[in-house]
Amino acid sequence: MTLPLAERLALERSGPNVFRGFAPDIGGARIFGGAAVGQALLAAYETVEARVCHSLHCYFIHPGNPAEPVFYEVTRSRDGGAFATRHVSAVQDGRPILEMLASFQRPAPGFEHQATLPDAPDPATLGDDDQRGAAVGIQLRNVRLPRPGWTEEVQPPHHQTWLRSALPLGPELRHHQAALAYASDFPQLPTIVQPHPVTWSTPGFQVASLDHAIWFHRPFDFTGWHLCDMDTPSSSDERGLSRATVFAQDGTVVATVLQEAMIRLRAPRG
């Protein structure tokens, strides 16, 4: 039975500002980066009241072991009238695997404008072609196949993926934000790779996430389909950047995501 992602990311309190959790095991020897981001966000939420996360910035420091617990240590950096800031260190075996700064705001009305939903096929016309999120109930439907990273064909620096939680997340916005944070990590690296004639199995090819940032613009229900519209504006010095605008199916802009990755091709040892 597949448990909802909100349950898989759940934390237990180990101290006033320390929380313990296990990352969902989706295969592989390392903790999936999106899991650490989602759990760090939930840990920060446990230390704020009446505020909503509007941005987070993460650095991936060391790979984590999915068989071992992770301790999320929260520093209450600031509590202002409208904004609060939290620093979260995700620690495993005595060393940090992720560092996060997150900012929270009391909801308030203000100026409004947003981008327009780009052209994309309806998700109902596409299939679940990426099963990496299936173990936690995340559905991923790529607009173009084959997916980036699975072909050496050079492709334009733009990609679109529909994503959502197929399982309930409950009424609290924090769980929908954590699920989006989790899911948003899946399509970024492939988008960075696609302008280059390599695949995941190319000899000497190495790629890994360096950092991950999200701005949450409006409340949303992540059990509905969301379009992750991505481009990769630059790769240089063994680093590549992906940026994404996330739209609800009705066209509402709910988030912006940026990720930088190490991307390198080392000559095979002879």
C-alpha atoms as a PDB file:
ATOM      1  CA  MET A   1       0.000   0.000   0.000  1.00  0.00           C
ATOM      2  CA  THR A   2       1.338   3.434  -0.948  1.00  0.00           C
ATOM      3  CA  LEU A   3       1.206   5.906   1.945  1.00  0.00           C
ATOM      4  CA  PRO A   4       0.469   9.588   1.269  1.00  0.00           C
ATOM      5  CA  LEU A   5       3.584  11.696   1.019  1.00  0.00           C
ATOM      6  CA  ALA A   6       2.447  13.755   4.018  1.00  0.00           C
ATOM      7  CA  GLU A   7       2.786  10.599   6.147  1.00  0.00           C
ATOM      8  CA  ARG A   8       6.080   9.551   4.585  1.00  0.00           C
ATOM      9  CA  LEU A   9       7.632  12.956   5.345  1.00  0.00           C
ATOM     10  CA  ALA A  10       6.244  13.125   8.906  1.00  0.00           C
ATOM     11  CA  LEU A  11       8.663  14.070  11.698  1.00  0.00           C
ATOM     12  CA  GLU A  12       8.840  13.356  15.411  1.00  0.00           C
ATOM     13  CA  ARG A  13      10.088  15.910  17.917  1.00  0.00           C
ATOM     14  CA  SER A  14      13.440  15.063  19.508  1.00  0.00           C
ATOM     15  CA  GLY A  15      13.915  18.357  21.353  1.00  0.00           C
ATOM     16  CA  PRO A  16      12.540  21.915  21.475  1.00  0.00           C
ATOM     17  CA  ASN A  17      13.936  22.681  18.018  1.00  0.00           C
ATOM     18  CA  VAL A  18      15.073  19.258  16.778  1.00  0.00           C
ATOM     19  CA  PHE A  19      13.000  16.848  14.687  1.00  0.00           C
ATOM     20  CA  ARG A  20      13.727  13.294  13.553  1.00  0.00           C
ATOM     21  CA  GLY A  21      12.601  11.729  10.302  1.00  0.00           C
ATOM     22  CA  PHE A  22      13.282   9.048   7.724  1.00  0.00           C
ATOM     23  CA  ALA A  23      13.355   9.920   4.041  1.00  0.00           C
ATOM     24  CA  PRO A  24      10.996   7.871   1.846  1.00  0.00           C
ATOM     25  CA  ASP A  25      12.929   5.021   0.247  1.00  0.00           C
ATOM     26  CA  ILE A  26      12.420   5.243  -3.511  1.00  0.00           C
ATOM     27  CA  GLY A  27      15.434   3.107  -4.394  1.00  0.00           C
ATOM     28  CA  GLY A  28      19.053   4.067  -4.719  1.00  0.00           C
ATOM     29  CA  ALA A  29      21.887   4.455  -2.244  1.00  0.00           C
ATOM     30  CA  ARG A  30      21.247   8.142  -1.466  1.00  0.00           C
ATOM     31  CA  ILE A  31      18.418  10.154   0.024  1.00  0.00           C
ATOM     32  CA  PHE A  32      16.439  11.864  -2.733  1.00  0.00           C
ATOM     33  CA  GLY A  33      17.156  15.588  -2.453  1.00  0.00           C
ATOM     34  CA  GLY A  34      13.506  16.589  -2.616  1.00  0.00           C
ATOM     35  CA  ALA A  35      12.789  14.472   0.471  1.00  0.00           C
ATOM     36  CA  ALA A  36      15.358  16.376   2.544  1.00  0.00           C
ATOM     37  CA  VAL A  37      13.985  19.702   1.275  1.00  0.00           C
ATOM     38  CA  GLY A  38      10.394  18.733   2.117  1.00  0.00           C
ATOM     39  CA  GLN A  39      11.246  17.475   5.599  1.00  0.00           C
ATOM     40  CA  ALA A  40      13.422  20.508   6.389  1.00  0.00           C
ATOM     41  CA  LEU A  41      10.487  22.738   5.431  1.00  0.00           C
ATOM     42  CA  LEU A  42       8.133  20.794   7.699  1.00  0.00           C
ATOM     43  CA  ALA A  43      10.642  21.042  10.564  1.00  0.00           C
ATOM     44  CA  ALA A  44      10.789  24.823  10.140  1.00  0.00           C
ATOM     45  CA  TYR A  45       6.978  24.982  10.120  1.00  0.00           C
ATOM     46  CA  GLU A  46       6.919  23.341  13.559  1.00  0.00           C
ATOM     47  CA  THR A  47       8.570  26.470  15.011  1.00  0.00           C
ATOM     48  CA  VAL A  48       6.359  29.191  13.470  1.00  0.00           C
ATOM     49  CA  GLU A  49       2.736  30.195  14.037  1.00  0.00           C
ATOM     50  CA  ALA A  50       0.221  31.996  11.821  1.00  0.00           C
ATOM     51  CA  ARG A  51       2.730  32.378   8.992  1.00  0.00           C
ATOM     52  CA  VAL A  52       3.169  30.726   5.605  1.00  0.00           C
ATOM     53  CA  CYS A  53       6.450  29.904   3.896  1.00  0.00           C
ATOM     54  CA  HIS A  54       7.052  32.174   0.921  1.00  0.00           C
ATOM     55  CA  SER A  55      10.629  31.175   0.063  1.00  0.00           C
ATOM     56  CA  LEU A  56      13.311  28.636   0.856  1.00  0.00           C
ATOM     57  CA  HIS A  57      16.918  28.251  -0.215  1.00  0.00           C
ATOM     58  CA  CYS A  58      18.809  24.968   0.227  1.00  0.00           C
ATOM     59  CA  TYR A  59      22.337  23.688  -0.308  1.00  0.00           C
ATOM     60  CA  PHE A  60      23.016  19.976  -0.639  1.00  0.00           C
ATOM     61  CA  ILE A  61      26.174  19.336   1.411  1.00  0.00           C
ATOM     62  CA  HIS A  62      26.665  15.558   1.651  1.00  0.00           C
ATOM     63  CA  PRO A  63      24.693  12.574   0.317  1.00  0.00           C
ATOM     64  CA  GLY A  64      22.368  11.011   2.881  1.00  0.00           C
ATOM     65  CA  ASN A  65      21.732   7.357   3.685  1.00  0.00           C
ATOM     66  CA  PRO A  66      18.015   6.455   3.285  1.00  0.00           C
ATOM     67  CA  ALA A  67      18.369   3.634   5.833  1.00  0.00           C
ATOM     68  CA  GLU A  68      19.343   6.024   8.657  1.00  0.00           C
ATOM     69  CA  PRO A  69      17.342   8.766  10.420  1.00  0.00           C
ATOM     70  CA  VAL A  70      17.940  12.439   9.724  1.00  0.00           C
ATOM     71  CA  PHE A  71      17.834  15.058  12.483  1.00  0.00           C
ATOM     72  CA  TYR A  72      16.538  18.482  11.495  1.00  0.00           C
ATOM     73  CA  GLU A  73      17.949  21.161  13.808  1.00  0.00           C
ATOM     74  CA  VAL A  74      16.030  24.464  13.579  1.00  0.00           C
ATOM     75  CA  THR A  75      17.480  27.847  14.522  1.00  0.00           C
ATOM     76  CA  ARG A  76      14.900  30.582  15.125  1.00  0.00           C
ATOM     77  CA  SER A  77      16.844  33.304  13.329  1.00  0.00           C
ATOM     78  CA  ARG A  78      14.169  36.012  13.397  1.00  0.00           C
ATOM     79  CA  ASP A  79      10.592  36.592  14.510  1.00  0.00           C
ATOM     80  CA  GLY A  80       9.330  39.939  13.219  1.00  0.00           C
ATOM     81  CA  GLY A  81       5.883  41.436  12.992  1.00  0.00           C
ATOM     82  CA  ALA A  82       5.178  40.126   9.483  1.00  0.00           C
ATOM     83  CA  PHE A  83       8.125  37.855   8.668  1.00  0.00           C
ATOM     84  CA  ALA A  84       9.983  35.034  10.413  1.00  0.00           C
ATOM     85  CA  THR A  85      13.237  33.382   9.318  1.00  0.00           C
ATOM     86  CA  ARG A  86      14.403  29.871  10.127  1.00  0.00           C
ATOM     87  CA  HIS A  87      17.707  28.088   9.528  1.00  0.00           C
ATOM     88  CA  VAL A  88      17.475  24.307   9.308  1.00  0.00           C
ATOM     89  CA  SER A  89      20.437  21.924   9.356  1.00  0.00           C
ATOM     90  CA  ALA A  90      19.672  18.365   8.271  1.00  0.00           C
ATOM     91  CA  VAL A  91      22.216  16.215  10.117  1.00  0.00           C
ATOM     92  CA  GLN A  92      23.031  12.540   9.725  1.00  0.00           C
ATOM     93  CA  ASP A  93      25.823  10.703  11.529  1.00  0.00           C
ATOM     94  CA  GLY A  94      27.082  14.003  12.924  1.00  0.00           C
ATOM     95  CA  ARG A  95      27.493  15.866   9.636  1.00  0.00           C
ATOM     96  CA  PRO A  96      25.139  18.122   7.652  1.00  0.00           C
ATOM     97  CA  ILE A  97      23.573  16.744   4.500  1.00  0.00           C
ATOM     98  CA  LEU A  98      21.495  19.873   3.770  1.00  0.00           C
ATOM     99  CA  GLU A  99      21.318  23.482   4.947  1.00  0.00           C
ATOM    100  CA  MET A 100      18.136  25.523   4.479  1.00  0.00           C
ATOM    101  CA  LEU A 101      17.075  29.118   5.049  1.00  0.00           C
ATOM    102  CA  ALA A 102      13.309  29.607   4.917  1.00  0.00           C
ATOM    103  CA  SER A 103      11.214  32.764   5.293  1.00  0.00           C
ATOM    104  CA  PHE A 104       7.622  32.864   6.528  1.00  0.00           C
ATOM    105  CA  GLN A 105       5.067  35.669   6.233  1.00  0.00           C
ATOM    106  CA  ARG A 106       1.712  36.541   7.713  1.00  0.00           C
ATOM    107  CA  PRO A 107      -0.787  36.430   4.784  1.00  0.00           C
ATOM    108  CA  ALA A 108      -1.628  39.938   3.564  1.00  0.00           C
ATOM    109  CA  PRO A 109      -3.320  41.458   0.483  1.00  0.00           C
ATOM    110  CA  GLY A 110      -1.122  43.305  -2.010  1.00  0.00           C
ATOM    111  CA  PHE A 111      -0.416  44.106  -5.653  1.00  0.00           C
ATOM    112  CA  GLU A 112      -1.195  41.290  -8.101  1.00  0.00           C
ATOM    113  CA  HIS A 113       0.231  40.235 -11.460  1.00  0.00           C
ATOM    114  CA  GLN A 114       1.415  36.933 -12.895  1.00  0.00           C
ATOM    115  CA  ALA A 115       2.677  35.157 -15.989  1.00  0.00           C
ATOM    116  CA  THR A 116       0.303  33.479 -18.444  1.00  0.00           C
ATOM    117  CA  LEU A 117      -0.084  29.708 -18.585  1.00  0.00           C
ATOM    118  CA  PRO A 118       1.960  28.524 -21.595  1.00  0.00           C
ATOM    119  CA  ASP A 119       0.646  26.137 -24.221  1.00  0.00           C
ATOM    120  CA  ALA A 120       0.857  22.511 -23.083  1.00  0.00           C
ATOM    121  CA  PRO A 121      -1.126  19.318 -23.707  1.00  0.00           C
ATOM    122  CA  ASP A 122      -3.809  18.530 -21.145  1.00  0.00           C
ATOM    123  CA  PRO A 123      -2.382  16.074 -18.579  1.00  0.00           C
ATOM    124  CA  ALA A 124      -5.350  13.762 -19.193  1.00  0.00           C
ATOM    125  CA  THR A 125      -3.943  13.112 -22.691  1.00  0.00           C
ATOM    126  CA  LEU A 126      -0.568  11.983 -21.314  1.00  0.00           C
ATOM    127  CA  GLY A 127       0.580   8.897 -19.431  1.00  0.00           C
ATOM    128  CA  ASP A 128       2.584   8.459 -16.225  1.00  0.00           C
ATOM    129  CA  ASP A 129       5.896   7.996 -18.031  1.00  0.00           C
ATOM    130  CA  ASP A 130       8.241   8.622 -15.070  1.00  0.00           C
ATOM    131  CA  GLN A 131       7.777   6.170 -12.199  1.00  0.00           C
ATOM    132  CA  ARG A 132      10.348   7.646  -9.805  1.00  0.00           C
ATOM    133  CA  GLY A 133       7.627   9.221  -7.664  1.00  0.00           C
ATOM    134  CA  ALA A 134       5.200   6.289  -7.745  1.00  0.00           C
ATOM    135  CA  ALA A 135       6.380   4.877  -4.397  1.00  0.00           C
ATOM    136  CA  VAL A 136       5.120   8.013  -2.629  1.00  0.00           C
ATOM    137  CA  GLY A 137       2.083   8.703  -4.823  1.00  0.00           C
ATOM    138  CA  ILE A 138       3.617  11.407  -7.019  1.00  0.00           C
ATOM    139  CA  GLN A 139       2.522  11.345 -10.660  1.00  0.00           C
ATOM    140  CA  LEU A 140       4.859  12.743 -13.340  1.00  0.00           C
ATOM    141  CA  ARG A 141       3.777  13.234 -16.952  1.00  0.00           C
ATOM    142  CA  ASN A 142       6.326  14.661 -19.370  1.00  0.00           C
ATOM    143  CA  VAL A 143       5.049  16.666 -22.316  1.00  0.00           C
ATOM    144  CA  ARG A 144       7.841  15.444 -24.589  1.00  0.00           C
ATOM    145  CA  LEU A 145       9.262  11.932 -24.871  1.00  0.00           C
ATOM    146  CA  PRO A 146      11.794  10.456 -24.561  1.00  0.00           C
ATOM    147  CA  ARG A 147      12.498  12.151 -21.271  1.00  0.00           C
ATOM    148  CA  PRO A 148      15.634  14.296 -21.014  1.00  0.00           C
ATOM    149  CA  GLY A 149      18.656  12.258 -20.013  1.00  0.00           C
ATOM    150  CA  TRP A 150      17.439   9.143 -21.812  1.00  0.00           C
ATOM    151  CA  THR A 151      18.622  10.119 -25.278  1.00  0.00           C
ATOM    152  CA  GLU A 152      21.849  11.611 -26.665  1.00  0.00           C
ATOM    153  CA  GLU A 153      19.788  13.743 -29.028  1.00  0.00           C
ATOM    154  CA  VAL A 154      20.415  17.424 -28.308  1.00  0.00           C
ATOM    155  CA  GLN A 155      17.110  19.079 -27.425  1.00  0.00           C
ATOM    156  CA  PRO A 156      16.052  22.722 -26.998  1.00  0.00           C
ATOM    157  CA  PRO A 157      16.689  24.153 -23.503  1.00  0.00           C
ATOM    158  CA  HIS A 158      13.018  23.962 -22.504  1.00  0.00           C
ATOM    159  CA  HIS A 159      10.909  21.197 -20.976  1.00  0.00           C
ATOM    160  CA  GLN A 160       7.470  20.763 -19.407  1.00  0.00           C
ATOM    161  CA  THR A 161       6.266  18.218 -16.853  1.00  0.00           C
ATOM    162  CA  TRP A 162       2.829  17.861 -15.273  1.00  0.00           C
ATOM    163  CA  LEU A 163       2.988  16.700 -11.662  1.00  0.00           C
ATOM    164  CA  ARG A 164       0.710  16.152  -8.673  1.00  0.00           C
ATOM    165  CA  SER A 165       0.095  14.028  -5.596  1.00  0.00           C
ATOM    166  CA  ALA A 166      -2.327  11.237  -6.447  1.00  0.00           C
ATOM    167  CA  LEU A 167      -2.977  10.689  -2.722  1.00  0.00           C
ATOM    168  CA  PRO A 168      -4.570  13.032  -0.134  1.00  0.00           C
ATOM    169  CA  LEU A 169      -2.354  15.605   1.564  1.00  0.00           C
ATOM    170  CA  GLY A 170      -4.818  16.999   4.091  1.00  0.00           C
ATOM    171  CA  PRO A 171      -6.047  20.570   4.594  1.00  0.00           C
ATOM    172  CA  GLU A 172      -2.815  22.240   5.770  1.00  0.00           C
ATOM    173  CA  LEU A 173      -0.892  24.236   3.162  1.00  0.00           C
ATOM    174  CA  ARG A 174       2.438  23.152   4.667  1.00  0.00           C
ATOM    175  CA  HIS A 175       1.896  19.591   3.438  1.00  0.00           C
ATOM    176  CA  HIS A 176       1.064  20.749  -0.089  1.00  0.00           C
ATOM    177  CA  GLN A 177       4.187  22.956  -0.116  1.00  0.00           C
ATOM    178  CA  ALA A 178       6.340  20.080   1.156  1.00  0.00           C
ATOM    179  CA  ALA A 179       4.929  17.760  -1.522  1.00  0.00           C
ATOM    180  CA  LEU A 180       5.618  20.302  -4.257  1.00  0.00           C
ATOM    181  CA  ALA A 181       9.130  20.819  -2.883  1.00  0.00           C
ATOM    182  CA  TYR A 182       9.617  17.052  -3.043  1.00  0.00           C
ATOM    183  CA  ALA A 183       8.205  16.644  -6.556  1.00  0.00           C
ATOM    184  CA  SER A 184       9.930  19.710  -8.010  1.00  0.00           C
ATOM    185  CA  ASP A 185      13.323  18.025  -7.607  1.00  0.00           C
ATOM    186  CA  PHE A 186      12.525  15.312 -10.179  1.00  0.00           C
ATOM    187  CA  PRO A 187      12.535  17.294 -13.481  1.00  0.00           C
ATOM    188  CA  GLN A 188      15.241  19.924 -12.887  1.00  0.00           C
ATOM    189  CA  LEU A 189      18.427  17.918 -13.538  1.00  0.00           C
ATOM    190  CA  PRO A 190      17.065  16.297 -16.728  1.00  0.00           C
ATOM    191  CA  THR A 191      16.223  19.743 -18.106  1.00  0.00           C
ATOM    192  CA  ILE A 192      19.799  20.931 -17.506  1.00  0.00           C
ATOM    193  CA  VAL A 193      21.138  17.844 -19.309  1.00  0.00           C
ATOM    194  CA  GLN A 194      18.969  17.962 -22.432  1.00  0.00           C
ATOM    195  CA  PRO A 195      20.921  20.593 -24.471  1.00  0.00           C
ATOM    196  CA  HIS A 196      23.975  18.274 -24.343  1.00  0.00           C
ATOM    197  CA  PRO A 197      24.663  15.016 -26.262  1.00  0.00           C
ATOM    198  CA  VAL A 198      24.849  12.775 -23.173  1.00  0.00           C
ATOM    199  CA  THR A 199      22.660  10.344 -21.257  1.00  0.00           C
ATOM    200  CA  TRP A 200      22.747   9.169 -17.651  1.00  0.00           C
ATOM    201  CA  SER A 201      24.855   6.187 -18.774  1.00  0.00           C
ATOM    202  CA  THR A 202      27.428   8.105 -20.855  1.00  0.00           C
ATOM    203  CA  PRO A 203      30.899   7.016 -19.613  1.00  0.00           C
ATOM    204  CA  GLY A 204      32.478   9.693 -17.433  1.00  0.00           C
ATOM    205  CA  PHE A 205      29.279  11.760 -17.153  1.00  0.00           C
ATOM    206  CA  GLN A 206      28.615  13.108 -13.645  1.00  0.00           C
ATOM    207  CA  VAL A 207      25.679  15.195 -12.453  1.00  0.00           C
ATOM    208  CA  ALA A 208      24.441  16.131  -8.980  1.00  0.00           C
ATOM    209  CA  SER A 209      22.241  18.830  -7.450  1.00  0.00           C
ATOM    210  CA  LEU A 210      24.106  21.625  -5.687  1.00  0.00           C
ATOM    211  CA  ASP A 211      21.255  23.810  -4.454  1.00  0.00           C
ATOM    212  CA  HIS A 212      17.497  24.213  -4.682  1.00  0.00           C
ATOM    213  CA  ALA A 213      15.369  27.320  -4.177  1.00  0.00           C
ATOM    214  CA  ILE A 214      11.596  27.793  -4.198  1.00  0.00           C
ATOM    215  CA  TRP A 215       9.378  30.865  -3.981  1.00  0.00           C
ATOM    216  CA  PHE A 216       5.761  30.094  -3.078  1.00  0.00           C
ATOM    217  CA  HIS A 217       3.506  32.775  -4.545  1.00  0.00           C
ATOM    218  CA  ARG A 218      -0.043  31.661  -3.749  1.00  0.00           C
ATOM    219  CA  PRO A 219      -1.880  28.897  -1.844  1.00  0.00           C
ATOM    220  CA  PHE A 220      -2.547  25.755  -3.899  1.00  0.00           C
ATOM    221  CA  ASP A 221      -3.887  22.213  -3.765  1.00  0.00           C
ATOM    222  CA  PHE A 222      -1.173  19.841  -4.947  1.00  0.00           C
ATOM    223  CA  THR A 223      -3.612  16.960  -5.398  1.00  0.00           C
ATOM    224  CA  GLY A 224      -4.547  18.767  -8.628  1.00  0.00           C
ATOM    225  CA  TRP A 225      -2.305  18.795 -11.711  1.00  0.00           C
ATOM    226  CA  HIS A 226       0.436  21.434 -11.882  1.00  0.00           C
ATOM    227  CA  LEU A 227       2.554  22.307 -14.910  1.00  0.00           C
ATOM    228  CA  CYS A 228       6.277  22.694 -14.238  1.00  0.00           C
ATOM    229  CA  ASP A 229       7.432  24.848 -17.172  1.00  0.00           C
ATOM    230  CA  MET A 230      11.249  24.810 -17.234  1.00  0.00           C
ATOM    231  CA  ASP A 231      14.164  26.238 -19.132  1.00  0.00           C
ATOM    232  CA  THR A 232      17.914  26.049 -18.667  1.00  0.00           C
ATOM    233  CA  PRO A 233      19.481  29.432 -19.460  1.00  0.00           C
ATOM    234  CA  SER A 234      23.126  28.519 -18.868  1.00  0.00           C
ATOM    235  CA  SER A 235      25.742  25.826 -18.316  1.00  0.00           C
ATOM    236  CA  SER A 236      29.396  26.704 -17.692  1.00  0.00           C
ATOM    237  CA  ASP A 237      32.310  25.831 -15.409  1.00  0.00           C
ATOM    238  CA  GLU A 238      30.839  22.370 -14.720  1.00  0.00           C
ATOM    239  CA  ARG A 239      27.578  23.920 -13.452  1.00  0.00           C
ATOM    240  CA  GLY A 240      24.146  24.172 -15.050  1.00  0.00           C
ATOM    241  CA  LEU A 241      20.988  26.044 -14.043  1.00  0.00           C
ATOM    242  CA  SER A 242      17.328  25.113 -14.354  1.00  0.00           C
ATOM    243  CA  ARG A 243      14.484  27.534 -13.606  1.00  0.00           C
ATOM    244  CA  ALA A 244      10.802  26.703 -13.529  1.00  0.00           C
ATOM    245  CA  THR A 245       7.455  28.401 -13.183  1.00  0.00           C
ATOM    246  CA  VAL A 246       4.813  26.161 -11.623  1.00  0.00           C
ATOM    247  CA  PHE A 247       1.199  26.709 -12.723  1.00  0.00           C
ATOM    248  CA  ALA A 248      -1.989  25.194 -11.365  1.00  0.00           C
ATOM    249  CA  GLN A 249      -4.130  23.737 -14.141  1.00  0.00           C
ATOM    250  CA  ASP A 250      -6.389  26.820 -14.051  1.00  0.00           C
ATOM    251  CA  GLY A 251      -3.378  29.017 -14.913  1.00  0.00           C
ATOM    252  CA  THR A 252      -2.589  30.323 -11.419  1.00  0.00           C
ATOM    253  CA  VAL A 253       1.138  30.814 -10.814  1.00  0.00           C
ATOM    254  CA  VAL A 254       1.853  29.041  -7.521  1.00  0.00           C
ATOM    255  CA  ALA A 255       5.659  28.793  -7.358  1.00  0.00           C
ATOM    256  CA  THR A 256       9.030  29.482  -8.946  1.00  0.00           C
ATOM    257  CA  VAL A 257      11.834  26.913  -8.661  1.00  0.00           C
ATOM    258  CA  LEU A 258      15.553  27.256  -9.380  1.00  0.00           C
ATOM    259  CA  GLN A 259      18.184  24.554  -9.148  1.00  0.00           C
ATOM    260  CA  GLU A 260      21.902  24.563  -9.900  1.00  0.00           C
ATOM    261  CA  ALA A 261      23.716  21.315 -10.574  1.00  0.00           C
ATOM    262  CA  MET A 262      27.220  20.040 -11.082  1.00  0.00           C
ATOM    263  CA  ILE A 263      27.371  18.772 -14.660  1.00  0.00           C
ATOM    264  CA  ARG A 264      30.657  17.399 -15.970  1.00  0.00           C
ATOM    265  CA  LEU A 265      32.119  14.901 -18.406  1.00  0.00           C
ATOM    266  CA  ARG A 266      35.353  13.283 -17.262  1.00  0.00           C
ATOM    267  CA  ALA A 267      37.556  11.416 -19.692  1.00  0.00           C
ATOM    268  CA  PRO A 268      37.387   7.669 -18.985  1.00  0.00           C
ATOM    269  CA  ARG A 269      40.505   6.326 -17.290  1.00  0.00           C
ATOM    270  CA  GLY A 270      42.653   4.413 -19.677  1.00  0.00           C
END
